[in-house]
Structures are given as structure tokens and as C-alpha cells.
Amino acid sequence: IIDNIPPVAIQVIEVYSGVSRIPGEFLNDACAVV
């Protein structure tokens, strides 16, 4: 997925590592979220 998005197209990136840090809207079978 990441390979298909060039940097020029991006406004902002959120990075969350660890289940306790992931916001509820992104907590979907994840240990980390980009």
C-alpha cells in the first residue's frame, strides 16, 4: 500500500506503535498503525 502512494501526494502521516497508543478509530487487529 505504501509503495503506491508517492510523497508528493501526502499531506500528513500519523504513526502509532503499540496497542495502548493506537486511537480507537484505528484499533482493528493492529499492533501498529500508519
All heavy atoms as atom14 arrays in JSON, in Angstrom:
{
  "sequence": "IIDNIPPVAIQVIEVYSGVSRIPGEFLNDACAVV",
  "atom14_mask": [
    [1, 1, 1, 1, 1, 1, 1, 1, 0, 0, 0, 0, 0, 0],
    [1, 1, 1, 1, 1, 1, 1, 1, 0, 0, 0, 0, 0, 0],
    [1, 1, 1, 1, 1, 1, 1, 1, 0, 0, 0, 0, 0, 0],
    [1, 1, 1, 1, 1, 1, 1, 1, 0, 0, 0, 0, 0, 0],
    [1, 1, 1, 1, 1, 1, 1, 1, 0, 0, 0, 0, 0, 0],
    [1, 1, 1, 1, 1, 1, 1, 0, 0, 0, 0, 0, 0, 0],
    [1, 1, 1, 1, 1, 1, 1, 0, 0, 0, 0, 0, 0, 0],
    [1, 1, 1, 1, 1, 1, 1, 0, 0, 0, 0, 0, 0, 0],
    [1, 1, 1, 1, 1, 0, 0, 0, 0, 0, 0, 0, 0, 0],
    [1, 1, 1, 1, 1, 1, 1, 1, 0, 0, 0, 0, 0, 0],
    [1, 1, 1, 1, 1, 1, 1, 1, 1, 0, 0, 0, 0, 0],
    [1, 1, 1, 1, 1, 1, 1, 0, 0, 0, 0, 0, 0, 0],
    [1, 1, 1, 1, 1, 1, 1, 1, 0, 0, 0, 0, 0, 0],
    [1, 1, 1, 1, 1, 1, 1, 1, 1, 0, 0, 0, 0, 0],
    [1, 1, 1, 1, 1, 1, 1, 0, 0, 0, 0, 0, 0, 0],
    [1, 1, 1, 1, 1, 1, 1, 1, 1, 1, 1, 1, 0, 0],
    [1, 1, 1, 1, 1, 1, 0, 0, 0, 0, 0, 0, 0, 0],
    [1, 1, 1, 1, 0, 0, 0, 0, 0, 0, 0, 0, 0, 0],
    [1, 1, 1, 1, 1, 1, 1, 0, 0, 0, 0, 0, 0, 0],
    [1, 1, 1, 1, 1, 1, 0, 0, 0, 0, 0, 0, 0, 0],
    [1, 1, 1, 1, 1, 1, 1, 1, 1, 1, 1, 0, 0, 0],
    [1, 1, 1, 1, 1, 1, 1, 1, 0, 0, 0, 0, 0, 0],
    [1, 1, 1, 1, 1, 1, 1, 0, 0, 0, 0, 0, 0, 0],
    [1, 1, 1, 1, 0, 0, 0, 0, 0, 0, 0, 0, 0, 0],
    [1, 1, 1, 1, 1, 1, 1, 1, 1, 0, 0, 0, 0, 0],
    [1, 1, 1, 1, 1, 1, 1, 1, 1, 1, 1, 0, 0, 0],
    [1, 1, 1, 1, 1, 1, 1, 1, 0, 0, 0, 0, 0, 0],
    [1, 1, 1, 1, 1, 1, 1, 1, 0, 0, 0, 0, 0, 0],
    [1, 1, 1, 1, 1, 1, 1, 1, 0, 0, 0, 0, 0, 0],
    [1, 1, 1, 1, 1, 0, 0, 0, 0, 0, 0, 0, 0, 0],
    [1, 1, 1, 1, 1, 1, 0, 0, 0, 0, 0, 0, 0, 0],
    [1, 1, 1, 1, 1, 0, 0, 0, 0, 0, 0, 0, 0, 0],
    [1, 1, 1, 1, 1, 1, 1, 0, 0, 0, 0, 0, 0, 0],
    [1, 1, 1, 1, 1, 1, 1, 0, 0, 0, 0, 0, 0, 0]
  ],
  "atom14_positions": [
    [[0.84, -1.21, 0.0], [0.0, 0.0, 0.0], [0.86, 1.25, 0.0], [0.65, 2.18, -0.77], [-0.93, 0.0, 1.23], [-1.84, -1.24, 1.23], [-1.78, 1.27, 1.25], [-2.71, -1.37, 0.03], [0.0, 0.0, 0.0], [0.0, 0.0, 0.0], [0.0, 0.0, 0.0], [0.0, 0.0, 0.0], [0.0, 0.0, 0.0], [0.0, 0.0, 0.0]],
    [[1.87, 1.28, 0.86], [2.73, 2.45, 1.0], [3.5, 2.72, -0.29], [3.72, 3.86, -0.68], [3.67, 2.27, 2.2], [2.85, 2.34, 3.5], [4.77, 3.32, 2.21], [3.6, 1.92, 4.73], [0.0, 0.0, 0.0], [0.0, 0.0, 0.0], [0.0, 0.0, 0.0], [0.0, 0.0, 0.0], [0.0, 0.0, 0.0], [0.0, 0.0, 0.0]],
    [[3.93, 1.65, -0.96], [4.67, 1.81, -2.21], [3.87, 2.55, -3.28], [4.43, 3.17, -4.17], [5.08, 0.43, -2.77], [6.33, -0.1, -2.08], [7.06, 0.7, -1.47], [6.56, -1.32, -2.14], [0.0, 0.0, 0.0], [0.0, 0.0, 0.0], [0.0, 0.0, 0.0], [0.0, 0.0, 0.0], [0.0, 0.0, 0.0], [0.0, 0.0, 0.0]],
    [[2.53, 2.46, -3.2], [1.68, 3.04, -4.23], [1.31, 4.5, -3.97], [0.55, 5.09, -4.74], [0.39, 2.21, -4.37], [0.65, 0.86, -5.02], [1.53, 0.74, -5.86], [-0.1, -0.15, -4.62], [0.0, 0.0, 0.0], [0.0, 0.0, 0.0], [0.0, 0.0, 0.0], [0.0, 0.0, 0.0], [0.0, 0.0, 0.0], [0.0, 0.0, 0.0]],
    [[1.81, 5.08, -2.88], [1.5, 6.47, -2.56], [2.78, 7.29, -2.59], [3.64, 7.13, -1.71], [0.83, 6.58, -1.19], [-0.42, 5.7, -1.13], [0.46, 8.04, -0.9], [-1.09, 5.69, 0.21], [0.0, 0.0, 0.0], [0.0, 0.0, 0.0], [0.0, 0.0, 0.0], [0.0, 0.0, 0.0], [0.0, 0.0, 0.0], [0.0, 0.0, 0.0]],
    [[2.97, 8.16, -3.56], [4.2, 8.96, -3.64], [4.21, 10.06, -2.59], [3.15, 10.56, -2.19], [4.15, 9.54, -5.05], [2.69, 9.61, -5.37], [2.06, 8.42, -4.69], [0.0, 0.0, 0.0], [0.0, 0.0, 0.0], [0.0, 0.0, 0.0], [0.0, 0.0, 0.0], [0.0, 0.0, 0.0], [0.0, 0.0, 0.0], [0.0, 0.0, 0.0]],
    [[5.37, 10.47, -2.14], [5.47, 11.53, -1.11], [4.78, 12.83, -1.52], [4.23, 13.52, -0.65], [6.99, 11.73, -0.96], [7.57, 10.39, -1.32], [6.7, 9.88, -2.43], [0.0, 0.0, 0.0], [0.0, 0.0, 0.0], [0.0, 0.0, 0.0], [0.0, 0.0, 0.0], [0.0, 0.0, 0.0], [0.0, 0.0, 0.0], [0.0, 0.0, 0.0]],
    [[4.8, 13.17, -2.81], [4.2, 14.44, -3.23], [2.69, 14.46, -3.0], [2.08, 15.53, -2.97], [4.48, 14.72, -4.72], [5.96, 14.93, -4.96], [3.93, 13.61, -5.62], [0.0, 0.0, 0.0], [0.0, 0.0, 0.0], [0.0, 0.0, 0.0], [0.0, 0.0, 0.0], [0.0, 0.0, 0.0], [0.0, 0.0, 0.0], [0.0, 0.0, 0.0]],
    [[2.07, 13.28, -2.84], [0.62, 13.22, -2.67], [0.2, 13.33, -1.21], [-0.99, 13.43, -0.92], [0.09, 11.91, -3.25], [0.0, 0.0, 0.0], [0.0, 0.0, 0.0], [0.0, 0.0, 0.0], [0.0, 0.0, 0.0], [0.0, 0.0, 0.0], [0.0, 0.0, 0.0], [0.0, 0.0, 0.0], [0.0, 0.0, 0.0], [0.0, 0.0, 0.0]],
    [[1.14, 13.33, -0.29], [0.83, 13.22, 1.14], [0.78, 14.58, 1.82], [1.66, 15.41, 1.64], [1.86, 12.32, 1.84], [1.83, 10.91, 1.23], [1.6, 12.25, 3.34], [2.92, 10.01, 1.73], [0.0, 0.0, 0.0], [0.0, 0.0, 0.0], [0.0, 0.0, 0.0], [0.0, 0.0, 0.0], [0.0, 0.0, 0.0], [0.0, 0.0, 0.0]],
    [[-0.26, 14.77, 2.63], [-0.39, 15.97, 3.45], [0.18, 15.74, 4.85], [0.91, 16.58, 5.39], [-1.85, 16.39, 3.56], [-2.13, 17.55, 4.5], [-1.55, 18.86, 4.01], [-1.39, 19.05, 2.8], [-1.25, 19.78, 4.92], [0.0, 0.0, 0.0], [0.0, 0.0, 0.0], [0.0, 0.0, 0.0], [0.0, 0.0, 0.0], [0.0, 0.0, 0.0]],
    [[-0.13, 14.58, 5.44], [0.33, 14.29, 6.81], [0.25, 12.78, 7.04], [-0.57, 12.09, 6.42], [-0.53, 15.06, 7.84], [-1.97, 14.65, 7.78], [0.03, 14.91, 9.25], [0.0, 0.0, 0.0], [0.0, 0.0, 0.0], [0.0, 0.0, 0.0], [0.0, 0.0, 0.0], [0.0, 0.0, 0.0], [0.0, 0.0, 0.0], [0.0, 0.0, 0.0]],
    [[1.12, 12.28, 7.92], [1.14, 10.85, 8.28], [1.09, 10.73, 9.8], [1.83, 11.42, 10.51], [2.41, 10.14, 7.77], [2.54, 10.28, 6.24], [2.38, 8.66, 8.15], [3.82, 9.7, 5.69], [0.0, 0.0, 0.0], [0.0, 0.0, 0.0], [0.0, 0.0, 0.0], [0.0, 0.0, 0.0], [0.0, 0.0, 0.0], [0.0, 0.0, 0.0]],
    [[0.21, 9.85, 10.28], [0.18, 9.5, 11.7], [0.83, 8.13, 11.88], [0.55, 7.21, 11.12], [-1.26, 9.43, 12.21], [-2.04, 10.73, 12.12], [-3.48, 10.54, 12.56], [-3.72, 10.47, 13.78], [-4.35, 10.46, 11.67], [0.0, 0.0, 0.0], [0.0, 0.0, 0.0], [0.0, 0.0, 0.0], [0.0, 0.0, 0.0], [0.0, 0.0, 0.0]],
    [[1.67, 8.0, 12.89], [2.34, 6.73, 13.17], [2.11, 6.36, 14.63], [2.42, 7.14, 15.53], [3.86, 6.82, 12.9], [4.53, 5.47, 13.17], [4.12, 7.26, 11.46], [0.0, 0.0, 0.0], [0.0, 0.0, 0.0], [0.0, 0.0, 0.0], [0.0, 0.0, 0.0], [0.0, 0.0, 0.0], [0.0, 0.0, 0.0], [0.0, 0.0, 0.0]],
    [[1.55, 5.16, 14.85], [1.26, 4.69, 16.21], [1.87, 3.3, 16.39], [1.63, 2.4, 15.58], [-0.25, 4.61, 16.46], [-0.95, 5.94, 16.32], [-1.61, 6.28, 15.15], [-0.93, 6.86, 17.37], [-2.24, 7.51, 15.02], [-1.56, 8.09, 17.25], [-2.22, 8.41, 16.07], [-2.83, 9.63, 15.95], [0.0, 0.0, 0.0], [0.0, 0.0, 0.0]],
    [[2.65, 3.13, 17.44], [3.29, 1.86, 17.73], [2.85, 1.35, 19.09], [2.96, 2.07, 20.09], [4.82, 2.03, 17.71], [5.46, 0.83, 18.05], [0.0, 0.0, 0.0], [0.0, 0.0, 0.0], [0.0, 0.0, 0.0], [0.0, 0.0, 0.0], [0.0, 0.0, 0.0], [0.0, 0.0, 0.0], [0.0, 0.0, 0.0], [0.0, 0.0, 0.0]],
    [[2.33, 0.12, 19.11], [1.85, -0.45, 20.37], [0.35, -0.28, 20.53], [-0.18, 0.81, 20.28], [0.0, 0.0, 0.0], [0.0, 0.0, 0.0], [0.0, 0.0, 0.0], [0.0, 0.0, 0.0], [0.0, 0.0, 0.0], [0.0, 0.0, 0.0], [0.0, 0.0, 0.0], [0.0, 0.0, 0.0], [0.0, 0.0, 0.0], [0.0, 0.0, 0.0]],
    [[-0.34, -1.33, 20.94], [-1.79, -1.32, 21.04], [-2.29, -0.22, 21.97], [-3.3, 0.44, 21.7], [-2.3, -2.7, 21.53], [-3.81, -2.67, 21.74], [-1.94, -3.78, 20.52], [0.0, 0.0, 0.0], [0.0, 0.0, 0.0], [0.0, 0.0, 0.0], [0.0, 0.0, 0.0], [0.0, 0.0, 0.0], [0.0, 0.0, 0.0], [0.0, 0.0, 0.0]],
    [[-1.57, 0.03, 23.06], [-2.02, 1.02, 24.03], [-1.98, 2.44, 23.49], [-2.6, 3.35, 24.04], [-1.16, 0.94, 25.3], [0.19, 1.24, 25.0], [0.0, 0.0, 0.0], [0.0, 0.0, 0.0], [0.0, 0.0, 0.0], [0.0, 0.0, 0.0], [0.0, 0.0, 0.0], [0.0, 0.0, 0.0], [0.0, 0.0, 0.0], [0.0, 0.0, 0.0]],
    [[-1.25, 2.66, 22.39], [-1.11, 4.0, 21.83], [-2.04, 4.25, 20.64], [-2.19, 5.38, 20.19], [0.34, 4.24, 21.38], [1.32, 4.32, 22.53], [2.74, 4.48, 22.02], [3.66, 4.77, 23.13], [3.97, 5.98, 23.54], [3.46, 7.03, 22.92], [4.8, 6.18, 24.53], [0.0, 0.0, 0.0], [0.0, 0.0, 0.0], [0.0, 0.0, 0.0]],
    [[-2.64, 3.2, 20.1], [-3.45, 3.35, 18.9], [-4.83, 3.93, 19.24], [-5.54, 3.39, 20.08], [-3.62, 1.99, 18.19], [-2.26, 1.43, 17.8], [-4.5, 2.12, 16.94], [-2.31, 0.02, 17.23], [0.0, 0.0, 0.0], [0.0, 0.0, 0.0], [0.0, 0.0, 0.0], [0.0, 0.0, 0.0], [0.0, 0.0, 0.0], [0.0, 0.0, 0.0]],
    [[-5.25, 5.03, 18.6], [-6.59, 5.59, 18.83], [-7.68, 4.58, 18.46], [-7.48, 3.71, 17.6], [-6.63, 6.8, 17.89], [-5.2, 7.15, 17.64], [-4.46, 5.85, 17.65], [0.0, 0.0, 0.0], [0.0, 0.0, 0.0], [0.0, 0.0, 0.0], [0.0, 0.0, 0.0], [0.0, 0.0, 0.0], [0.0, 0.0, 0.0], [0.0, 0.0, 0.0]],
    [[-8.82, 4.7, 19.11], [-9.91, 3.74, 18.93], [-10.34, 3.57, 17.48], [-10.68, 2.46, 17.06], [0.0, 0.0, 0.0], [0.0, 0.0, 0.0], [0.0, 0.0, 0.0], [0.0, 0.0, 0.0], [0.0, 0.0, 0.0], [0.0, 0.0, 0.0], [0.0, 0.0, 0.0], [0.0, 0.0, 0.0], [0.0, 0.0, 0.0], [0.0, 0.0, 0.0]],
    [[-10.32, 4.66, 16.68], [-10.79, 4.57, 15.3], [-9.86, 3.74, 14.42], [-10.23, 3.33, 13.33], [-10.98, 5.95, 14.69], [-9.76, 6.87, 14.78], [-9.84, 7.79, 15.98], [-9.99, 7.28, 17.11], [-9.76, 9.02, 15.78], [0.0, 0.0, 0.0], [0.0, 0.0, 0.0], [0.0, 0.0, 0.0], [0.0, 0.0, 0.0], [0.0, 0.0, 0.0]],
    [[-8.63, 3.48, 14.91], [-7.68, 2.69, 14.12], [-7.39, 1.33, 14.73], [-6.6, 0.56, 14.19], [-6.34, 3.45, 13.99], [-6.46, 4.78, 13.31], [-5.8, 5.88, 13.81], [-7.21, 4.92, 12.16], [-5.88, 7.12, 13.17], [-7.32, 6.15, 11.52], [-6.64, 7.25, 12.02], [0.0, 0.0, 0.0], [0.0, 0.0, 0.0], [0.0, 0.0, 0.0]],
    [[-8.01, 1.02, 15.86], [-7.7, -0.22, 16.58], [-8.44, -1.39, 15.93], [-9.5, -1.81, 16.37], [-8.08, -0.08, 18.05], [-7.49, -1.12, 19.0], [-5.98, -1.12, 18.93], [-7.95, -0.83, 20.43], [0.0, 0.0, 0.0], [0.0, 0.0, 0.0], [0.0, 0.0, 0.0], [0.0, 0.0, 0.0], [0.0, 0.0, 0.0], [0.0, 0.0, 0.0]],
    [[-7.87, -1.94, 14.88], [-8.5, -3.02, 14.11], [-7.46, -4.09, 13.83], [-6.76, -4.06, 12.82], [-9.06, -2.46, 12.79], [-9.88, -3.5, 12.03], [-9.66, -4.7, 12.16], [-10.81, -3.03, 11.22], [0.0, 0.0, 0.0], [0.0, 0.0, 0.0], [0.0, 0.0, 0.0], [0.0, 0.0, 0.0], [0.0, 0.0, 0.0], [0.0, 0.0, 0.0]],
    [[-7.32, -5.05, 14.79], [-6.35, -6.14, 14.62], [-4.98, -5.59, 14.28], [-4.34, -6.0, 13.31], [-6.83, -7.11, 13.53], [-5.95, -8.36, 13.44], [-5.37, -8.73, 14.47], [-5.84, -8.94, 12.36], [0.0, 0.0, 0.0], [0.0, 0.0, 0.0], [0.0, 0.0, 0.0], [0.0, 0.0, 0.0], [0.0, 0.0, 0.0], [0.0, 0.0, 0.0]],
    [[-4.51, -4.63, 15.06], [-3.25, -3.98, 14.74], [-2.35, -3.88, 15.96], [-2.81, -3.67, 17.08], [-3.51, -2.58, 14.19], [0.0, 0.0, 0.0], [0.0, 0.0, 0.0], [0.0, 0.0, 0.0], [0.0, 0.0, 0.0], [0.0, 0.0, 0.0], [0.0, 0.0, 0.0], [0.0, 0.0, 0.0], [0.0, 0.0, 0.0], [0.0, 0.0, 0.0]],
    [[-1.06, -4.06, 15.74], [-0.07, -3.78, 16.78], [0.6, -2.44, 16.49], [1.27, -1.88, 17.35], [0.97, -4.89, 16.84], [2.03, -4.93, 15.39], [0.0, 0.0, 0.0], [0.0, 0.0, 0.0], [0.0, 0.0, 0.0], [0.0, 0.0, 0.0], [0.0, 0.0, 0.0], [0.0, 0.0, 0.0], [0.0, 0.0, 0.0], [0.0, 0.0, 0.0]],
    [[0.42, -1.95, 15.25], [0.94, -0.63, 14.87], [0.11, -0.12, 13.71], [-0.48, -0.9, 12.95], [2.41, -0.71, 14.48], [0.0, 0.0, 0.0], [0.0, 0.0, 0.0], [0.0, 0.0, 0.0], [0.0, 0.0, 0.0], [0.0, 0.0, 0.0], [0.0, 0.0, 0.0], [0.0, 0.0, 0.0], [0.0, 0.0, 0.0], [0.0, 0.0, 0.0]],
    [[0.05, 1.21, 13.58], [-0.78, 1.82, 12.54], [-0.01, 2.94, 11.85], [0.67, 3.73, 12.5], [-2.09, 2.39, 13.14], [-2.79, 3.32, 12.15], [-3.03, 1.26, 13.54], [0.0, 0.0, 0.0], [0.0, 0.0, 0.0], [0.0, 0.0, 0.0], [0.0, 0.0, 0.0], [0.0, 0.0, 0.0], [0.0, 0.0, 0.0], [0.0, 0.0, 0.0]],
    [[-0.13, 2.96, 10.52], [0.34, 4.09, 9.72], [-0.9, 4.66, 9.03], [-1.53, 3.98, 8.22], [1.38, 3.65, 8.67], [1.76, 4.83, 7.78], [2.61, 3.07, 9.35], [0.0, 0.0, 0.0], [0.0, 0.0, 0.0], [0.0, 0.0, 0.0], [0.0, 0.0, 0.0], [0.0, 0.0, 0.0], [0.0, 0.0, 0.0], [0.0, 0.0, 0.0]]
  ]
}
